Structure formats: structure tokens, C-alpha cells
PDB file of N, CA and C in Angstrom:
ATOM      1  N   UNK A   1      61.003  -5.361   2.315  1.00  0.00           N
ATOM      2  CA  UNK A   1      60.634  -5.899   3.570  1.00  0.00           C
ATOM      3  C   UNK A   1      59.930  -7.258   3.761  1.00  0.00           C
ATOM      4  N   UNK A   2      58.875  -7.392   2.924  1.00  0.00           N
ATOM      5  CA  UNK A   2      58.066  -8.702   2.647  1.00  0.00           C
ATOM      6  C   UNK A   2      59.060  -9.621   2.283  1.00  0.00           C
ATOM      7  N   UNK A   3      60.006  -9.398   1.296  1.00  0.00           N
ATOM      8  CA  UNK A   3      60.943 -10.568   0.758  1.00  0.00           C
ATOM      9  C   UNK A   3      61.882 -11.204   2.055  1.00  0.00           C
ATOM     10  N   UNK A   4      62.128 -10.255   3.017  1.00  0.00           N
ATOM     11  CA  UNK A   4      63.029 -10.742   4.167  1.00  0.00           C
ATOM     12  C   UNK A   4      61.996 -11.573   5.159  1.00  0.00           C
ATOM     13  N   UNK A   5      60.647 -11.065   5.218  1.00  0.00           N
ATOM     14  CA  UNK A   5      59.909 -12.093   6.121  1.00  0.00           C
ATOM     15  C   UNK A   5      59.635 -13.394   5.283  1.00  0.00           C
ATOM     16  N   UNK A   6      59.750 -13.534   4.167  1.00  0.00           N
ATOM     17  CA  UNK A   6      59.440 -14.632   3.573  1.00  0.00           C
ATOM     18  C   UNK A   6      60.652 -15.559   3.578  1.00  0.00           C
ATOM     19  N   UNK A   7      61.779 -15.012   3.454  1.00  0.00           N
ATOM     20  CA  UNK A   7      62.973 -15.758   3.587  1.00  0.00           C
ATOM     21  C   UNK A   7      63.195 -16.246   4.902  1.00  0.00           C
ATOM     22  N   UNK A   8      62.807 -15.370   6.024  1.00  0.00           N
ATOM     23  CA  UNK A   8      62.944 -15.791   7.315  1.00  0.00           C
ATOM     24  C   UNK A   8      61.945 -17.028   7.615  1.00  0.00           C
ATOM     25  N   UNK A   9      60.731 -16.832   7.121  1.00  0.00           N
ATOM     26  CA  UNK A   9      59.701 -18.063   7.262  1.00  0.00           C
ATOM     27  C   UNK A   9      60.248 -19.315   6.501  1.00  0.00           C
ATOM     28  N   UNK A  10      60.709 -19.308   5.227  1.00  0.00           N
ATOM     29  CA  UNK A  10      61.456 -20.385   4.636  1.00  0.00           C
ATOM     30  C   UNK A  10      62.603 -20.972   5.539  1.00  0.00           C
ATOM     31  N   UNK A  11      63.520 -20.117   6.030  1.00  0.00           N
ATOM     32  CA  UNK A  11      64.646 -20.608   6.903  1.00  0.00           C
ATOM     33  C   UNK A  11      63.806 -21.244   8.232  1.00  0.00           C
ATOM     34  N   UNK A  12      62.757 -21.025   8.707  1.00  0.00           N
ATOM     35  CA  UNK A  12      62.513 -21.626   9.998  1.00  0.00           C
ATOM     36  C   UNK A  12      61.641 -22.794   9.647  1.00  0.00           C
ATOM     37  N   UNK A  13      61.043 -22.822   8.429  1.00  0.00           N
ATOM     38  CA  UNK A  13      60.520 -24.306   8.119  1.00  0.00           C
ATOM     39  C   UNK A  13      61.391 -25.234   7.713  1.00  0.00           C
ATOM     40  N   UNK A  14      62.643 -24.834   7.220  1.00  0.00           N
ATOM     41  CA  UNK A  14      63.818 -25.544   6.471  1.00  0.00           C
ATOM     42  C   UNK A  14      64.321 -26.256   7.938  1.00  0.00           C
ATOM     43  N   UNK A  15      64.475 -25.244   8.961  1.00  0.00           N
ATOM     44  CA  UNK A  15      65.113 -25.765  10.148  1.00  0.00           C
ATOM     45  C   UNK A  15      64.363 -26.620  10.938  1.00  0.00           C
ATOM     46  N   UNK A  16      62.736 -26.459  10.716  1.00  0.00           N
ATOM     47  CA  UNK A  16      61.943 -27.395  11.495  1.00  0.00           C
ATOM     48  C   UNK A  16      61.988 -28.923  10.861  1.00  0.00           C
ATOM     49  N   UNK A  17      62.255 -28.872   9.491  1.00  0.00           N
ATOM     50  CA  UNK A  17      62.120 -30.038   8.824  1.00  0.00           C
ATOM     51  C   UNK A  17      63.611 -30.877   9.094  1.00  0.00           C
ATOM     52  N   UNK A  18      64.643 -30.230   9.428  1.00  0.00           N
ATOM     53  CA  UNK A  18      65.839 -30.624   9.666  1.00  0.00           C
ATOM     54  C   UNK A  18      65.660 -31.485  11.178  1.00  0.00           C
ATOM     55  N   UNK A  19      65.063 -30.525  11.924  1.00  0.00           N
ATOM     56  CA  UNK A  19      64.768 -31.044  13.327  1.00  0.00           C
ATOM     57  C   UNK A  19      64.138 -32.314  13.318  1.00  0.00           C
ATOM     58  N   UNK A  20      63.134 -32.302  12.460  1.00  0.00           N
ATOM     59  CA  UNK A  20      62.284 -33.622  12.479  1.00  0.00           C
ATOM     60  C   UNK A  20      63.041 -34.785  11.873  1.00  0.00           C
ATOM     61  N   UNK A  21      63.761 -34.423  11.051  1.00  0.00           N
ATOM     62  CA  UNK A  21      64.812 -35.666  10.572  1.00  0.00           C
ATOM     63  C   UNK A  21      65.679 -36.174  11.356  1.00  0.00           C
ATOM     64  N   UNK A  22      66.216 -35.146  12.207  1.00  0.00           N
ATOM     65  CA  UNK A  22      67.200 -35.468  13.326  1.00  0.00           C
ATOM     66  C   UNK A  22      66.473 -36.249  14.299  1.00  0.00           C
ATOM     67  N   UNK A  23      65.266 -35.942  14.716  1.00  0.00           N
ATOM     68  CA  UNK A  23      64.657 -36.491  15.720  1.00  0.00           C
ATOM     69  C   UNK A  23      64.199 -38.039  15.235  1.00  0.00           C
ATOM     70  N   UNK A  24      63.800 -38.046  13.985  1.00  0.00           N
ATOM     71  CA  UNK A  24      63.530 -39.456  13.271  1.00  0.00           C
ATOM     72  C   UNK A  24      64.716 -40.406  13.406  1.00  0.00           C
ATOM     73  N   UNK A  25      65.917 -39.891  13.017  1.00  0.00           N
ATOM     74  CA  UNK A  25      67.175 -40.397  13.069  1.00  0.00           C
ATOM     75  C   UNK A  25      67.583 -41.189  14.448  1.00  0.00           C
ATOM     76  N   UNK A  26      67.282 -40.289  15.428  1.00  0.00           N
ATOM     77  CA  UNK A  26      67.695 -40.486  16.825  1.00  0.00           C
ATOM     78  C   UNK A  26      66.664 -41.604  17.252  1.00  0.00           C
ATOM     79  N   UNK A  27      65.516 -41.593  16.907  1.00  0.00           N
ATOM     80  CA  UNK A  27      64.305 -42.753  17.378  1.00  0.00           C
ATOM     81  C   UNK A  27      65.014 -44.094  16.707  1.00  0.00           C
ATOM     82  N   UNK A  28      65.294 -43.950  15.397  1.00  0.00           N
ATOM     83  CA  UNK A  28      65.637 -45.181  14.831  1.00  0.00           C
ATOM     84  C   UNK A  28      66.994 -45.684  15.198  1.00  0.00           C
ATOM     85  N   UNK A  29      67.946 -44.992  16.017  1.00  0.00           N
ATOM     86  CA  UNK A  29      69.059 -45.430  16.562  1.00  0.00           C
ATOM     87  C   UNK A  29      68.616 -45.933  17.834  1.00  0.00           C
ATOM     88  N   UNK A  30      67.777 -45.551  18.582  1.00  0.00           N
ATOM     89  CA  UNK A  30      67.164 -46.039  19.683  1.00  0.00           C
ATOM     90  C   UNK A  30      66.536 -47.317  19.743  1.00  0.00           C
ATOM     91  N   UNK A  31      65.846 -47.308  18.557  1.00  0.00           N
ATOM     92  CA  UNK A  31      65.067 -48.789  18.111  1.00  0.00           C
ATOM     93  C   UNK A  31      66.120 -49.774  17.814  1.00  0.00           C
ATOM     94  N   UNK A  32      67.349 -49.435  17.052  1.00  0.00           N
ATOM     95  CA  UNK A  32      68.248 -50.428  16.688  1.00  0.00           C
ATOM     96  C   UNK A  32      68.920 -51.036  17.914  1.00  0.00           C
ATOM     97  N   UNK A  33      69.029 -50.049  18.776  1.00  0.00           N
ATOM     98  CA  UNK A  33      70.137 -50.444  19.955  1.00  0.00           C
ATOM     99  C   UNK A  33      68.971 -51.444  20.756  1.00  0.00           C
ATOM    100  N   UNK A  34      67.898 -51.070  20.966  1.00  0.00           N
ATOM    101  CA  UNK A  34      66.971 -52.028  21.798  1.00  0.00           C
ATOM    102  C   UNK A  34      66.897 -53.252  20.961  1.00  0.00           C
ATOM    103  N   UNK A  35      66.797 -53.318  19.790  1.00  0.00           N
ATOM    104  CA  UNK A  35      66.681 -54.789  18.980  1.00  0.00           C
ATOM    105  C   UNK A  35      67.866 -55.516  19.124  1.00  0.00           C
ATOM    106  N   UNK A  36      69.230 -54.758  19.240  1.00  0.00           N
ATOM    107  CA  UNK A  36      70.400 -55.447  19.321  1.00  0.00           C
ATOM    108  C   UNK A  36      70.290 -55.858  20.853  1.00  0.00           C
ATOM    109  N   UNK A  37      69.889 -55.340  21.921  1.00  0.00           N
ATOM    110  CA  UNK A  37      69.745 -55.943  23.291  1.00  0.00           C
ATOM    111  C   UNK A  37      68.981 -57.052  23.286  1.00  0.00           C
ATOM    112  N   UNK A  38      67.696 -57.240  22.617  1.00  0.00           N
ATOM    113  CA  UNK A  38      66.750 -58.090  22.789  1.00  0.00           C
ATOM    114  C   UNK A  38      67.233 -59.455  21.772  1.00  0.00           C
ATOM    115  N   UNK A  39      68.104 -59.251  21.068  1.00  0.00           N
ATOM    116  CA  UNK A  39      68.375 -60.558  20.190  1.00  0.00           C
ATOM    117  C   UNK A  39      69.375 -61.530  21.367  1.00  0.00           C
ATOM    118  N   UNK A  40      69.318 -62.672  20.786  1.00  0.00           N
ATOM    119  CA  UNK A  40      70.020 -63.587  21.507  1.00  0.00           C
ATOM    120  C   UNK A  40      71.532 -63.253  21.823  1.00  0.00           C
ATOM    121  N   UNK A  41      72.108 -63.049  20.833  1.00  0.00           N
ATOM    122  CA  UNK A  41      73.717 -62.550  20.889  1.00  0.00           C
ATOM    123  C   UNK A  41      73.972 -60.970  20.468  1.00  0.00           C
ATOM    124  N   UNK A  42      73.751 -60.131  21.344  1.00  0.00           N
ATOM    125  CA  UNK A  42      73.686 -58.839  20.913  1.00  0.00           C
ATOM    126  C   UNK A  42      75.042 -58.371  20.841  1.00  0.00           C
ATOM    127  N   UNK A  43      75.420 -57.506  19.884  1.00  0.00           N
ATOM    128  CA  UNK A  43      76.787 -57.054  19.863  1.00  0.00           C
ATOM    129  C   UNK A  43      76.660 -55.459  20.428  1.00  0.00           C
ATOM    130  N   UNK A  44      77.643 -55.532  21.800  1.00  0.00           N
ATOM    131  CA  UNK A  44      77.335 -54.294  22.644  1.00  0.00           C
ATOM    132  C   UNK A  44      78.857 -54.029  22.639  1.00  0.00           C
ATOM    133  N   UNK A  45      79.350 -52.637  22.534  1.00  0.00           N
ATOM    134  CA  UNK A  45      80.600 -52.342  22.934  1.00  0.00           C
ATOM    135  C   UNK A  45      81.672 -53.091  22.370  1.00  0.00           C
ATOM    136  N   UNK A  46      81.551 -53.698  20.960  1.00  0.00           N
ATOM    137  CA  UNK A  46      82.521 -54.599  20.583  1.00  0.00           C
ATOM    138  C   UNK A  46      82.860 -55.778  21.047  1.00  0.00           C
ATOM    139  N   UNK A  47      81.700 -56.341  22.032  1.00  0.00           N
ATOM    140  CA  UNK A  47      81.828 -57.735  22.543  1.00  0.00           C
ATOM    141  C   UNK A  47      80.777 -58.428  21.995  1.00  0.00           C
ATOM    142  N   UNK A  48      81.245 -59.554  21.356  1.00  0.00           N
ATOM    143  CA  UNK A  48      80.053 -60.214  20.505  1.00  0.00           C
ATOM    144  C   UNK A  48      79.199 -61.357  21.335  1.00  0.00           C
ATOM    145  N   UNK A  49      79.205 -61.129  22.508  1.00  0.00           N
ATOM    146  CA  UNK A  49      78.625 -62.089  23.423  1.00  0.00           C
ATOM    147  C   UNK A  49      77.914 -61.260  24.497  1.00  0.00           C
ATOM    148  N   UNK A  50      76.663 -61.830  24.794  1.00  0.00           N
ATOM    149  CA  UNK A  50      75.951 -61.237  25.878  1.00  0.00           C
ATOM    150  C   UNK A  50      76.455 -61.902  27.349  1.00  0.00           C
ATOM    151  N   UNK A  51      76.603 -61.249  28.541  1.00  0.00           N
ATOM    152  CA  UNK A  51      76.879 -61.971  29.735  1.00  0.00           C
ATOM    153  C   UNK A  51      76.318 -61.201  30.835  1.00  0.00           C
ATOM    154  N   UNK A  52      75.826 -62.072  31.868  1.00  0.00           N
ATOM    155  CA  UNK A  52      75.100 -61.516  32.967  1.00  0.00           C
ATOM    156  C   UNK A  52      76.210 -61.789  34.092  1.00  0.00           C
ATOM    157  N   UNK A  53      75.985 -60.997  35.121  1.00  0.00           N
ATOM    158  CA  UNK A  53      76.543 -61.114  36.395  1.00  0.00           C
ATOM    159  C   UNK A  53      75.671 -61.691  37.553  1.00  0.00           C
ATOM    160  N   UNK A  54      75.861 -62.889  38.287  1.00  0.00           N
ATOM    161  CA  UNK A  54      75.062 -63.058  39.119  1.00  0.00           C
ATOM    162  C   UNK A  54      75.358 -62.442  40.599  1.00  0.00           C
ATOM    163  N   UNK A  55      74.340 -62.351  41.374  1.00  0.00           N
ATOM    164  CA  UNK A  55      74.628 -61.901  42.725  1.00  0.00           C
ATOM    165  C   UNK A  55      75.600 -62.799  43.472  1.00  0.00           C
ATOM    166  N   UNK A  56      76.022 -62.111  44.359  1.00  0.00           N
ATOM    167  CA  UNK A  56      76.960 -63.124  45.464  1.00  0.00           C
ATOM    168  C   UNK A  56      75.880 -64.359  46.016  1.00  0.00           C
ATOM    169  N   UNK A  57      76.618 -65.378  46.118  1.00  0.00           N
ATOM    170  CA  UNK A  57      75.873 -66.519  46.846  1.00  0.00           C
ATOM    171  C   UNK A  57      75.075 -66.229  48.032  1.00  0.00           C
ATOM    172  N   UNK A  58      76.081 -65.527  48.921  1.00  0.00           N
ATOM    173  CA  UNK A  58      75.105 -65.075  50.201  1.00  0.00           C
ATOM    174  C   UNK A  58      74.173 -64.370  50.162  1.00  0.00           C
ATOM    175  N   UNK A  59      74.148 -63.310  49.235  1.00  0.00           N
ATOM    176  CA  UNK A  59      72.835 -62.653  48.887  1.00  0.00           C
ATOM    177  C   UNK A  59      71.870 -63.296  48.526  1.00  0.00           C
ATOM    178  N   UNK A  60      72.129 -64.190  47.294  1.00  0.00           N
ATOM    179  CA  UNK A  60      70.992 -65.005  47.081  1.00  0.00           C
ATOM    180  C   UNK A  60      70.269 -65.647  47.860  1.00  0.00           C
ATOM    181  N   UNK A  61      71.207 -66.629  48.711  1.00  0.00           N
ATOM    182  CA  UNK A  61      70.461 -67.262  49.813  1.00  0.00           C
ATOM    183  C   UNK A  61      69.651 -66.367  51.003  1.00  0.00           C
ATOM    184  N   UNK A  62      70.459 -65.202  51.132  1.00  0.00           N
ATOM    185  CA  UNK A  62      69.709 -64.379  52.117  1.00  0.00           C
ATOM    186  C   UNK A  62      68.048 -64.131  51.459  1.00  0.00           C
ATOM    187  N   UNK A  63      68.330 -63.677  50.139  1.00  0.00           N
ATOM    188  CA  UNK A  63      67.007 -63.309  49.673  1.00  0.00           C
ATOM    189  C   UNK A  63      65.929 -64.310  49.479  1.00  0.00           C
ATOM    190  N   UNK A  64      66.436 -65.680  49.373  1.00  0.00           N
ATOM    191  CA  UNK A  64      65.782 -67.063  49.205  1.00  0.00           C
ATOM    192  C   UNK A  64      64.974 -67.112  50.547  1.00  0.00           C
ATOM    193  N   UNK A  65      65.829 -66.800  51.936  1.00  0.00           N
ATOM    194  CA  UNK A  65      65.282 -67.315  53.017  1.00  0.00           C
ATOM    195  C   UNK A  65      64.289 -66.126  53.398  1.00  0.00           C
ATOM    196  N   UNK A  66      64.457 -64.860  52.954  1.00  0.00           N
ATOM    197  CA  UNK A  66      63.619 -63.747  53.266  1.00  0.00           C
ATOM    198  C   UNK A  66      62.368 -64.242  52.588  1.00  0.00           C
ATOM    199  N   UNK A  67      62.333 -64.493  51.409  1.00  0.00           N
ATOM    200  CA  UNK A  67      61.122 -64.803  50.620  1.00  0.00           C
ATOM    201  C   UNK A  67      60.333 -66.083  51.410  1.00  0.00           C
ATOM    202  N   UNK A  68      60.970 -67.139  51.794  1.00  0.00           N
ATOM    203  CA  UNK A  68      60.349 -68.134  52.477  1.00  0.00           C
ATOM    204  C   UNK A  68      59.565 -67.591  53.965  1.00  0.00           C
ATOM    205  N   UNK A  69      60.503 -66.902  54.535  1.00  0.00           N
ATOM    206  CA  UNK A  69      59.875 -66.458  55.736  1.00  0.00           C
ATOM    207  C   UNK A  69      58.939 -65.435  55.571  1.00  0.00           C
ATOM    208  N   UNK A  70      58.852 -64.675  54.579  1.00  0.00           N
ATOM    209  CA  UNK A  70      57.721 -63.748  54.228  1.00  0.00           C
ATOM    210  C   UNK A  70      56.525 -64.547  53.787  1.00  0.00           C
ATOM    211  N   UNK A  71      56.630 -65.727  53.175  1.00  0.00           N
ATOM    212  CA  UNK A  71      55.620 -66.404  52.776  1.00  0.00           C
ATOM    213  C   UNK A  71      55.083 -67.189  53.929  1.00  0.00           C
ATOM    214  N   UNK A  72      55.791 -67.913  54.909  1.00  0.00           N
ATOM    215  CA  UNK A  72      55.350 -68.367  56.091  1.00  0.00           C
ATOM    216  C   UNK A  72      54.449 -67.483  56.848  1.00  0.00           C
ATOM    217  N   UNK A  73      55.075 -66.152  57.220  1.00  0.00           N
ATOM    218  CA  UNK A  73      54.369 -65.148  57.798  1.00  0.00           C
ATOM    219  C   UNK A  73      52.795 -64.826  57.239  1.00  0.00           C
ATOM    220  N   UNK A  74      52.768 -64.967  55.990  1.00  0.00           N
ATOM    221  CA  UNK A  74      51.757 -64.381  55.063  1.00  0.00           C
ATOM    222  C   UNK A  74      50.689 -65.677  55.362  1.00  0.00           C
ATOM    223  N   UNK A  75      51.006 -66.953  55.466  1.00  0.00           N
ATOM    224  CA  UNK A  75      50.138 -68.070  55.576  1.00  0.00           C
ATOM    225  C   UNK A  75      49.604 -68.189  57.107  1.00  0.00           C
ATOM    226  N   UNK A  76      50.579 -68.023  57.978  1.00  0.00           N
ATOM    227  CA  UNK A  76      50.292 -68.207  59.274  1.00  0.00           C
ATOM    228  C   UNK A  76      49.535 -66.810  59.935  1.00  0.00           C
ATOM    229  N   UNK A  77      49.821 -65.665  59.317  1.00  0.00           N
ATOM    230  CA  UNK A  77      49.342 -64.233  59.769  1.00  0.00           C
ATOM    231  C   UNK A  77      50.216 -63.692  60.876  1.00  0.00           C
ATOM    232  N   UNK A  78      51.274 -64.088  60.780  1.00  0.00           N
ATOM    233  CA  UNK A  78      52.268 -63.344  62.039  1.00  0.00           C
ATOM    234  C   UNK A  78      52.422 -62.227  61.523  1.00  0.00           C
TER     235      UNK A  78
END
């Protein structure tokens, strides 16, 4: 009976060690992915260049106008 107990404890400790190793591998993969994103030309999804999408011109101008009016309101206390 005590042999079964020791075998069970051994299996539990082995499973915990595997779990820790898998978590470490997962964290390493996350760090590697973050490093790729921070590099100048990250390789993501088989695309060798990074690209950004701009907001539409109408939306950018509207946001700029709102920032200016908010600044004027804060200066004059309106």
C-alpha cells in the first residue's frame, strides 16, 4: 500500500515538473512574439514587413478640430 502511495506522489511530482516546463515554454513563446513585434521589421503571419493603417482623413480632421476646440474651451473656461 505504501508503494502505491510513493508511486502516486512520484507521478504527481513528475506532472508538476512537466507543467512548469510547459509554462516556461509558453512564456518564452510570448516573449519571442513580443520581441518580433518590437523590431523594426517584424515577421508576422508570413509577411516580412510591418504596416499600419491610417484612420480616414475625415476622422483625423474631426479629431484634430475637437482637440483644438477642447483646448480653447479649457483656456477660456467655457
